[in-house]
């Protein structure tokens, strides 16, 4: 989805907020594939149980839930899949 295809109004006005379209099913309990999620790249405090969008070591983007003990990113899928 490109910016020219649709517009998603956000009541939260900050230059650091943008939207992404979810691809894959690894977070289907929270955001099924094609869901649109808002991301604030200035929100960098890691909180146990909160969801984050991160870049992997390979330069890809992943959307997962942060778990604090031990530190890790986990999928939250209805299908049990682990897509990135």
PDB file of N, CA and C in Angstrom:
ATOM      1  N   UNK A   1       0.855  -1.173   0.000  1.00  0.00           N
ATOM      2  CA  UNK A   1       0.000   0.000   0.000  1.00  0.00           C
ATOM      3  C   UNK A   1       0.898   1.232   0.000  1.00  0.00           C
ATOM      4  N   UNK A   2       0.659   2.136  -0.880  1.00  0.00           N
ATOM      5  CA  UNK A   2       1.440   3.364  -0.924  1.00  0.00           C
ATOM      6  C   UNK A   2       0.605   4.512  -0.385  1.00  0.00           C
ATOM      7  N   UNK A   3       1.265   5.624  -0.124  1.00  0.00           N
ATOM      8  CA  UNK A   3       0.562   6.787   0.413  1.00  0.00           C
ATOM      9  C   UNK A   3      -0.508   7.279  -0.553  1.00  0.00           C
ATOM     10  N   UNK A   4      -0.316   7.053  -1.849  1.00  0.00           N
ATOM     11  CA  UNK A   4      -1.304   7.514  -2.819  1.00  0.00           C
ATOM     12  C   UNK A   4      -2.535   6.614  -2.874  1.00  0.00           C
ATOM     13  N   UNK A   5      -2.436   5.389  -2.350  1.00  0.00           N
ATOM     14  CA  UNK A   5      -3.558   4.451  -2.392  1.00  0.00           C
ATOM     15  C   UNK A   5      -4.612   4.736  -1.331  1.00  0.00           C
ATOM     16  N   UNK A   6      -4.193   5.225  -0.178  1.00  0.00           N
ATOM     17  CA  UNK A   6      -5.163   5.468   0.887  1.00  0.00           C
ATOM     18  C   UNK A   6      -4.601   6.461   1.890  1.00  0.00           C
ATOM     19  N   UNK A   7      -5.479   6.953   2.732  1.00  0.00           N
ATOM     20  CA  UNK A   7      -5.091   7.884   3.779  1.00  0.00           C
ATOM     21  C   UNK A   7      -5.704   7.395   5.081  1.00  0.00           C
ATOM     22  N   UNK A   8      -4.884   7.295   6.103  1.00  0.00           N
ATOM     23  CA  UNK A   8      -5.366   6.868   7.415  1.00  0.00           C
ATOM     24  C   UNK A   8      -5.188   8.036   8.375  1.00  0.00           C
ATOM     25  N   UNK A   9      -6.277   8.685   8.785  1.00  0.00           N
ATOM     26  CA  UNK A   9      -6.142   9.814   9.712  1.00  0.00           C
ATOM     27  C   UNK A   9      -5.712   9.328  11.094  1.00  0.00           C
ATOM     28  N   UNK A  10      -4.781  10.042  11.696  1.00  0.00           N
ATOM     29  CA  UNK A  10      -4.321   9.729  13.049  1.00  0.00           C
ATOM     30  C   UNK A  10      -4.585  10.927  13.949  1.00  0.00           C
ATOM     31  N   UNK A  11      -5.237  10.730  15.096  1.00  0.00           N
ATOM     32  CA  UNK A  11      -5.465  11.843  16.006  1.00  0.00           C
ATOM     33  C   UNK A  11      -4.190  12.255  16.734  1.00  0.00           C
ATOM     34  N   UNK A  12      -3.140  11.464  16.606  1.00  0.00           N
ATOM     35  CA  UNK A  12      -1.878  11.681  17.305  1.00  0.00           C
ATOM     36  C   UNK A  12      -0.916  12.346  16.334  1.00  0.00           C
ATOM     37  N   UNK A  13      -0.690  13.630  16.473  1.00  0.00           N
ATOM     38  CA  UNK A  13       0.089  14.386  15.493  1.00  0.00           C
ATOM     39  C   UNK A  13       1.522  14.600  15.966  1.00  0.00           C
ATOM     40  N   UNK A  14       2.407  13.777  15.441  1.00  0.00           N
ATOM     41  CA  UNK A  14       3.851  13.914  15.684  1.00  0.00           C
ATOM     42  C   UNK A  14       4.556  13.518  14.394  1.00  0.00           C
ATOM     43  N   UNK A  15       5.640  14.170  14.107  1.00  0.00           N
ATOM     44  CA  UNK A  15       6.392  13.842  12.896  1.00  0.00           C
ATOM     45  C   UNK A  15       7.004  12.446  12.950  1.00  0.00           C
ATOM     46  N   UNK A  16       7.106  11.867  14.144  1.00  0.00           N
ATOM     47  CA  UNK A  16       7.733  10.555  14.304  1.00  0.00           C
ATOM     48  C   UNK A  16       6.750   9.395  14.148  1.00  0.00           C
ATOM     49  N   UNK A  17       5.484   9.685  13.842  1.00  0.00           N
ATOM     50  CA  UNK A  17       4.474   8.640  13.706  1.00  0.00           C
ATOM     51  C   UNK A  17       4.201   8.383  12.227  1.00  0.00           C
ATOM     52  N   UNK A  18       4.189   7.110  11.866  1.00  0.00           N
ATOM     53  CA  UNK A  18       3.842   6.708  10.505  1.00  0.00           C
ATOM     54  C   UNK A  18       3.089   5.391  10.577  1.00  0.00           C
ATOM     55  N   UNK A  19       2.502   4.976   9.453  1.00  0.00           N
ATOM     56  CA  UNK A  19       1.729   3.737   9.412  1.00  0.00           C
ATOM     57  C   UNK A  19       2.397   2.710   8.510  1.00  0.00           C
ATOM     58  N   UNK A  20       2.204   1.452   8.858  1.00  0.00           N
ATOM     59  CA  UNK A  20       2.675   0.326   8.063  1.00  0.00           C
ATOM     60  C   UNK A  20       1.527  -0.646   7.851  1.00  0.00           C
ATOM     61  N   UNK A  21       1.566  -1.369   6.745  1.00  0.00           N
ATOM     62  CA  UNK A  21       0.613  -2.438   6.484  1.00  0.00           C
ATOM     63  C   UNK A  21       1.259  -3.758   6.868  1.00  0.00           C
ATOM     64  N   UNK A  22       0.589  -4.543   7.699  1.00  0.00           N
ATOM     65  CA  UNK A  22       1.123  -5.815   8.185  1.00  0.00           C
ATOM     66  C   UNK A  22       1.120  -6.836   7.051  1.00  0.00           C
ATOM     67  N   UNK A  23       2.261  -7.518   6.902  1.00  0.00           N
ATOM     68  CA  UNK A  23       2.391  -8.638   5.962  1.00  0.00           C
ATOM     69  C   UNK A  23       2.769  -9.868   6.770  1.00  0.00           C
ATOM     70  N   UNK A  24       2.138 -10.988   6.506  1.00  0.00           N
ATOM     71  CA  UNK A  24       2.422 -12.215   7.251  1.00  0.00           C
ATOM     72  C   UNK A  24       1.457 -12.402   8.397  1.00  0.00           C
ATOM     73  N   UNK A  25       1.555 -13.574   9.052  1.00  0.00           N
ATOM     74  CA  UNK A  25       0.574 -13.918  10.097  1.00  0.00           C
ATOM     75  C   UNK A  25       1.183 -14.054  11.484  1.00  0.00           C
ATOM     76  N   UNK A  26       2.419 -13.634  11.683  1.00  0.00           N
ATOM     77  CA  UNK A  26       3.074 -13.880  12.969  1.00  0.00           C
ATOM     78  C   UNK A  26       2.477 -13.090  14.131  1.00  0.00           C
ATOM     79  N   UNK A  27       1.691 -12.044  13.849  1.00  0.00           N
ATOM     80  CA  UNK A  27       1.042 -11.269  14.912  1.00  0.00           C
ATOM     81  C   UNK A  27      -0.469 -11.233  14.705  1.00  0.00           C
ATOM     82  N   UNK A  28      -1.034 -12.307  14.152  1.00  0.00           N
ATOM     83  CA  UNK A  28      -2.447 -12.309  13.764  1.00  0.00           C
ATOM     84  C   UNK A  28      -3.419 -12.137  14.927  1.00  0.00           C
ATOM     85  N   UNK A  29      -3.020 -12.447  16.146  1.00  0.00           N
ATOM     86  CA  UNK A  29      -3.910 -12.205  17.300  1.00  0.00           C
ATOM     87  C   UNK A  29      -4.096 -10.708  17.542  1.00  0.00           C
ATOM     88  N   UNK A  30      -3.098  -9.924  17.203  1.00  0.00           N
ATOM     89  CA  UNK A  30      -3.132  -8.482  17.450  1.00  0.00           C
ATOM     90  C   UNK A  30      -3.441  -7.679  16.193  1.00  0.00           C
ATOM     91  N   UNK A  31      -2.871  -8.095  15.070  1.00  0.00           N
ATOM     92  CA  UNK A  31      -3.022  -7.351  13.814  1.00  0.00           C
ATOM     93  C   UNK A  31      -2.948  -8.346  12.661  1.00  0.00           C
ATOM     94  N   UNK A  32      -4.092  -8.825  12.175  1.00  0.00           N
ATOM     95  CA  UNK A  32      -4.091  -9.762  11.051  1.00  0.00           C
ATOM     96  C   UNK A  32      -3.444  -9.141   9.810  1.00  0.00           C
ATOM     97  N   UNK A  33      -2.992 -10.003   8.908  1.00  0.00           N
ATOM     98  CA  UNK A  33      -2.369  -9.538   7.673  1.00  0.00           C
ATOM     99  C   UNK A  33      -3.260  -8.500   6.992  1.00  0.00           C
ATOM    100  N   UNK A  34      -2.665  -7.471   6.454  1.00  0.00           N
ATOM    101  CA  UNK A  34      -3.248  -6.289   5.801  1.00  0.00           C
ATOM    102  C   UNK A  34      -3.762  -5.245   6.801  1.00  0.00           C
ATOM    103  N   UNK A  35      -3.652  -5.500   8.116  1.00  0.00           N
ATOM    104  CA  UNK A  35      -3.990  -4.473   9.099  1.00  0.00           C
ATOM    105  C   UNK A  35      -3.020  -3.310   8.936  1.00  0.00           C
ATOM    106  N   UNK A  36      -3.475  -2.141   9.308  1.00  0.00           N
ATOM    107  CA  UNK A  36      -2.614  -0.962   9.293  1.00  0.00           C
ATOM    108  C   UNK A  36      -2.283  -0.627  10.738  1.00  0.00           C
ATOM    109  N   UNK A  37      -0.984  -0.524  11.039  1.00  0.00           N
ATOM    110  CA  UNK A  37      -0.546  -0.214  12.400  1.00  0.00           C
ATOM    111  C   UNK A  37       0.196   1.121  12.405  1.00  0.00           C
ATOM    112  N   UNK A  38       0.016   1.878  13.473  1.00  0.00           N
ATOM    113  CA  UNK A  38       0.730   3.140  13.650  1.00  0.00           C
ATOM    114  C   UNK A  38       1.994   2.872  14.451  1.00  0.00           C
ATOM    115  N   UNK A  39       3.087   3.503  14.036  1.00  0.00           N
ATOM    116  CA  UNK A  39       4.390   3.309  14.665  1.00  0.00           C
ATOM    117  C   UNK A  39       4.953   4.677  15.016  1.00  0.00           C
ATOM    118  N   UNK A  40       5.485   4.807  16.228  1.00  0.00           N
ATOM    119  CA  UNK A  40       6.176   6.029  16.644  1.00  0.00           C
ATOM    120  C   UNK A  40       7.635   5.672  16.863  1.00  0.00           C
ATOM    121  N   UNK A  41       8.511   6.060  15.935  1.00  0.00           N
ATOM    122  CA  UNK A  41       9.913   5.659  16.040  1.00  0.00           C
ATOM    123  C   UNK A  41      10.654   6.369  17.163  1.00  0.00           C
ATOM    124  N   UNK A  42      10.039   7.362  17.814  1.00  0.00           N
ATOM    125  CA  UNK A  42      10.665   7.988  18.977  1.00  0.00           C
ATOM    126  C   UNK A  42      10.327   7.254  20.279  1.00  0.00           C
ATOM    127  N   UNK A  43       9.395   6.320  20.233  1.00  0.00           N
ATOM    128  CA  UNK A  43       9.018   5.529  21.407  1.00  0.00           C
ATOM    129  C   UNK A  43       9.990   4.359  21.510  1.00  0.00           C
ATOM    130  N   UNK A  44      11.094   4.552  22.215  1.00  0.00           N
ATOM    131  CA  UNK A  44      12.175   3.562  22.241  1.00  0.00           C
ATOM    132  C   UNK A  44      12.313   2.842  23.578  1.00  0.00           C
ATOM    133  N   UNK A  45      11.465   3.143  24.558  1.00  0.00           N
ATOM    134  CA  UNK A  45      11.535   2.452  25.844  1.00  0.00           C
ATOM    135  C   UNK A  45      10.931   1.066  25.706  1.00  0.00           C
ATOM    136  N   UNK A  46      11.727   0.026  25.993  1.00  0.00           N
ATOM    137  CA  UNK A  46      11.231  -1.350  25.905  1.00  0.00           C
ATOM    138  C   UNK A  46      10.393  -1.677  27.134  1.00  0.00           C
ATOM    139  N   UNK A  47       9.161  -2.117  26.894  1.00  0.00           N
ATOM    140  CA  UNK A  47       8.222  -2.461  27.956  1.00  0.00           C
ATOM    141  C   UNK A  47       7.770  -3.898  27.731  1.00  0.00           C
ATOM    142  N   UNK A  48       7.864  -4.728  28.759  1.00  0.00           N
ATOM    143  CA  UNK A  48       7.455  -6.126  28.660  1.00  0.00           C
ATOM    144  C   UNK A  48       6.006  -6.222  28.198  1.00  0.00           C
ATOM    145  N   UNK A  49       5.765  -6.994  27.143  1.00  0.00           N
ATOM    146  CA  UNK A  49       4.427  -7.213  26.627  1.00  0.00           C
ATOM    147  C   UNK A  49       3.986  -6.234  25.559  1.00  0.00           C
ATOM    148  N   UNK A  50       4.737  -5.156  25.346  1.00  0.00           N
ATOM    149  CA  UNK A  50       4.371  -4.172  24.336  1.00  0.00           C
ATOM    150  C   UNK A  50       4.856  -4.636  22.963  1.00  0.00           C
ATOM    151  N   UNK A  51       4.164  -4.206  21.902  1.00  0.00           N
ATOM    152  CA  UNK A  51       4.516  -4.608  20.537  1.00  0.00           C
ATOM    153  C   UNK A  51       5.420  -3.567  19.899  1.00  0.00           C
ATOM    154  N   UNK A  52       6.383  -4.055  19.099  1.00  0.00           N
ATOM    155  CA  UNK A  52       7.373  -3.182  18.470  1.00  0.00           C
ATOM    156  C   UNK A  52       7.595  -3.576  17.022  1.00  0.00           C
ATOM    157  N   UNK A  53       7.960  -2.588  16.224  1.00  0.00           N
ATOM    158  CA  UNK A  53       8.442  -2.802  14.865  1.00  0.00           C
ATOM    159  C   UNK A  53       9.943  -2.560  14.914  1.00  0.00           C
ATOM    160  N   UNK A  54      10.707  -3.544  14.448  1.00  0.00           N
ATOM    161  CA  UNK A  54      12.174  -3.466  14.505  1.00  0.00           C
ATOM    162  C   UNK A  54      12.771  -3.896  13.182  1.00  0.00           C
ATOM    163  N   UNK A  55      13.991  -3.437  12.927  1.00  0.00           N
ATOM    164  CA  UNK A  55      14.748  -3.919  11.775  1.00  0.00           C
ATOM    165  C   UNK A  55      15.620  -5.066  12.233  1.00  0.00           C
ATOM    166  N   UNK A  56      15.659  -6.125  11.430  1.00  0.00           N
ATOM    167  CA  UNK A  56      16.488  -7.284  11.744  1.00  0.00           C
ATOM    168  C   UNK A  56      17.923  -7.016  11.287  1.00  0.00           C
ATOM    169  N   UNK A  57      18.840  -7.903  11.649  1.00  0.00           N
ATOM    170  CA  UNK A  57      20.222  -7.801  11.213  1.00  0.00           C
ATOM    171  C   UNK A  57      20.363  -7.890   9.705  1.00  0.00           C
ATOM    172  N   UNK A  58      19.372  -8.471   9.043  1.00  0.00           N
ATOM    173  CA  UNK A  58      19.378  -8.602   7.587  1.00  0.00           C
ATOM    174  C   UNK A  58      18.733  -7.398   6.908  1.00  0.00           C
ATOM    175  N   UNK A  59      18.300  -6.401   7.682  1.00  0.00           N
ATOM    176  CA  UNK A  59      17.697  -5.199   7.116  1.00  0.00           C
ATOM    177  C   UNK A  59      16.208  -5.306   6.843  1.00  0.00           C
ATOM    178  N   UNK A  60      15.580  -6.414   7.225  1.00  0.00           N
ATOM    179  CA  UNK A  60      14.133  -6.562   7.061  1.00  0.00           C
ATOM    180  C   UNK A  60      13.421  -5.982   8.282  1.00  0.00           C
ATOM    181  N   UNK A  61      12.135  -5.714   8.141  1.00  0.00           N
ATOM    182  CA  UNK A  61      11.336  -5.176   9.241  1.00  0.00           C
ATOM    183  C   UNK A  61      10.475  -6.287   9.813  1.00  0.00           C
ATOM    184  N   UNK A  62      10.379  -6.333  11.140  1.00  0.00           N
ATOM    185  CA  UNK A  62       9.547  -7.337  11.797  1.00  0.00           C
ATOM    186  C   UNK A  62       8.692  -6.660  12.868  1.00  0.00           C
ATOM    187  N   UNK A  63       7.513  -7.220  13.102  1.00  0.00           N
ATOM    188  CA  UNK A  63       6.546  -6.714  14.082  1.00  0.00           C
ATOM    189  C   UNK A  63       6.309  -7.830  15.084  1.00  0.00           C
ATOM    190  N   UNK A  64       6.729  -7.642  16.331  1.00  0.00           N
ATOM    191  CA  UNK A  64       6.629  -8.692  17.350  1.00  0.00           C
ATOM    192  C   UNK A  64       6.355  -8.076  18.719  1.00  0.00           C
ATOM    193  N   UNK A  65       6.053  -8.951  19.686  1.00  0.00           N
ATOM    194  CA  UNK A  65       5.853  -8.554  21.082  1.00  0.00           C
ATOM    195  C   UNK A  65       7.167  -8.751  21.834  1.00  0.00           C
ATOM    196  N   UNK A  66       7.557  -7.739  22.628  1.00  0.00           N
ATOM    197  CA  UNK A  66       8.784  -7.809  23.423  1.00  0.00           C
ATOM    198  C   UNK A  66       8.514  -8.537  24.734  1.00  0.00           C
ATOM    199  N   UNK A  67       9.377  -9.460  25.078  1.00  0.00           N
ATOM    200  CA  UNK A  67       9.329 -10.151  26.368  1.00  0.00           C
ATOM    201  C   UNK A  67      10.642  -9.861  27.085  1.00  0.00           C
ATOM    202  N   UNK A  68      10.558  -9.529  28.375  1.00  0.00           N
ATOM    203  CA  UNK A  68      11.715  -9.008  29.102  1.00  0.00           C
ATOM    204  C   UNK A  68      12.598 -10.065  29.760  1.00  0.00           C
ATOM    205  N   UNK A  69      12.082 -11.245  30.071  1.00  0.00           N
ATOM    206  CA  UNK A  69      12.903 -12.167  30.853  1.00  0.00           C
ATOM    207  C   UNK A  69      12.858 -13.571  30.276  1.00  0.00           C
ATOM    208  N   UNK A  70      13.825 -13.942  29.450  1.00  0.00           N
ATOM    209  CA  UNK A  70      14.944 -13.151  28.931  1.00  0.00           C
ATOM    210  C   UNK A  70      14.465 -12.257  27.785  1.00  0.00           C
ATOM    211  N   UNK A  71      15.283 -11.241  27.444  1.00  0.00           N
ATOM    212  CA  UNK A  71      14.930 -10.313  26.361  1.00  0.00           C
ATOM    213  C   UNK A  71      14.771 -11.059  25.053  1.00  0.00           C
ATOM    214  N   UNK A  72      13.596 -10.865  24.420  1.00  0.00           N
ATOM    215  CA  UNK A  72      13.341 -11.514  23.139  1.00  0.00           C
ATOM    216  C   UNK A  72      12.125 -10.881  22.491  1.00  0.00           C
ATOM    217  N   UNK A  73      11.977 -11.101  21.189  1.00  0.00           N
ATOM    218  CA  UNK A  73      10.784 -10.707  20.445  1.00  0.00           C
ATOM    219  C   UNK A  73      10.025 -11.972  20.102  1.00  0.00           C
ATOM    220  N   UNK A  74       8.720 -11.999  20.390  1.00  0.00           N
ATOM    221  CA  UNK A  74       7.912 -13.190  20.157  1.00  0.00           C
ATOM    222  C   UNK A  74       6.732 -12.896  19.251  1.00  0.00           C
ATOM    223  N   UNK A  75       6.390 -13.846  18.383  1.00  0.00           N
ATOM    224  CA  UNK A  75       5.161 -13.717  17.593  1.00  0.00           C
ATOM    225  C   UNK A  75       3.938 -13.926  18.480  1.00  0.00           C
ATOM    226  N   UNK A  76       2.788 -13.516  18.017  1.00  0.00           N
ATOM    227  CA  UNK A  76       1.512 -13.722  18.726  1.00  0.00           C
ATOM    228  C   UNK A  76       0.467 -14.072  17.672  1.00  0.00           C
ATOM    229  N   UNK A  77       0.508 -15.336  17.238  1.00  0.00           N
ATOM    230  CA  UNK A  77      -0.264 -15.764  16.082  1.00  0.00           C
ATOM    231  C   UNK A  77      -1.351 -16.767  16.444  1.00  0.00           C
ATOM    232  N   UNK A  78      -2.493 -16.638  15.787  1.00  0.00           N
ATOM    233  CA  UNK A  78      -3.560 -17.608  15.912  1.00  0.00           C
ATOM    234  C   UNK A  78      -3.190 -18.921  15.212  1.00  0.00           C
ATOM    235  N   UNK A  79      -2.390 -18.817  14.152  1.00  0.00           N
ATOM    236  CA  UNK A  79      -2.024 -19.968  13.342  1.00  0.00           C
ATOM    237  C   UNK A  79      -0.838 -20.745  13.910  1.00  0.00           C
ATOM    238  N   UNK A  80      -0.129 -20.162  14.871  1.00  0.00           N
ATOM    239  CA  UNK A  80       1.050 -20.824  15.403  1.00  0.00           C
ATOM    240  C   UNK A  80       2.267 -20.679  14.516  1.00  0.00           C
ATOM    241  N   UNK A  81       2.137 -19.900  13.413  1.00  0.00           N
ATOM    242  CA  UNK A  81       3.262 -19.682  12.509  1.00  0.00           C
ATOM    243  C   UNK A  81       4.228 -18.662  13.069  1.00  0.00           C
ATOM    244  N   UNK A  82       5.390 -18.632  12.508  1.00  0.00           N
ATOM    245  CA  UNK A  82       6.412 -17.705  12.976  1.00  0.00           C
ATOM    246  C   UNK A  82       6.975 -16.902  11.814  1.00  0.00           C
ATOM    247  N   UNK A  83       6.104 -16.334  10.977  1.00  0.00           N
ATOM    248  CA  UNK A  83       6.541 -15.498   9.879  1.00  0.00           C
ATOM    249  C   UNK A  83       7.120 -14.205  10.422  1.00  0.00           C
ATOM    250  N   UNK A  84       8.071 -13.633   9.722  1.00  0.00           N
ATOM    251  CA  UNK A  84       8.615 -12.332  10.145  1.00  0.00           C
ATOM    252  C   UNK A  84       7.928 -11.212   9.444  1.00  0.00           C
TER     253      UNK A  84
END
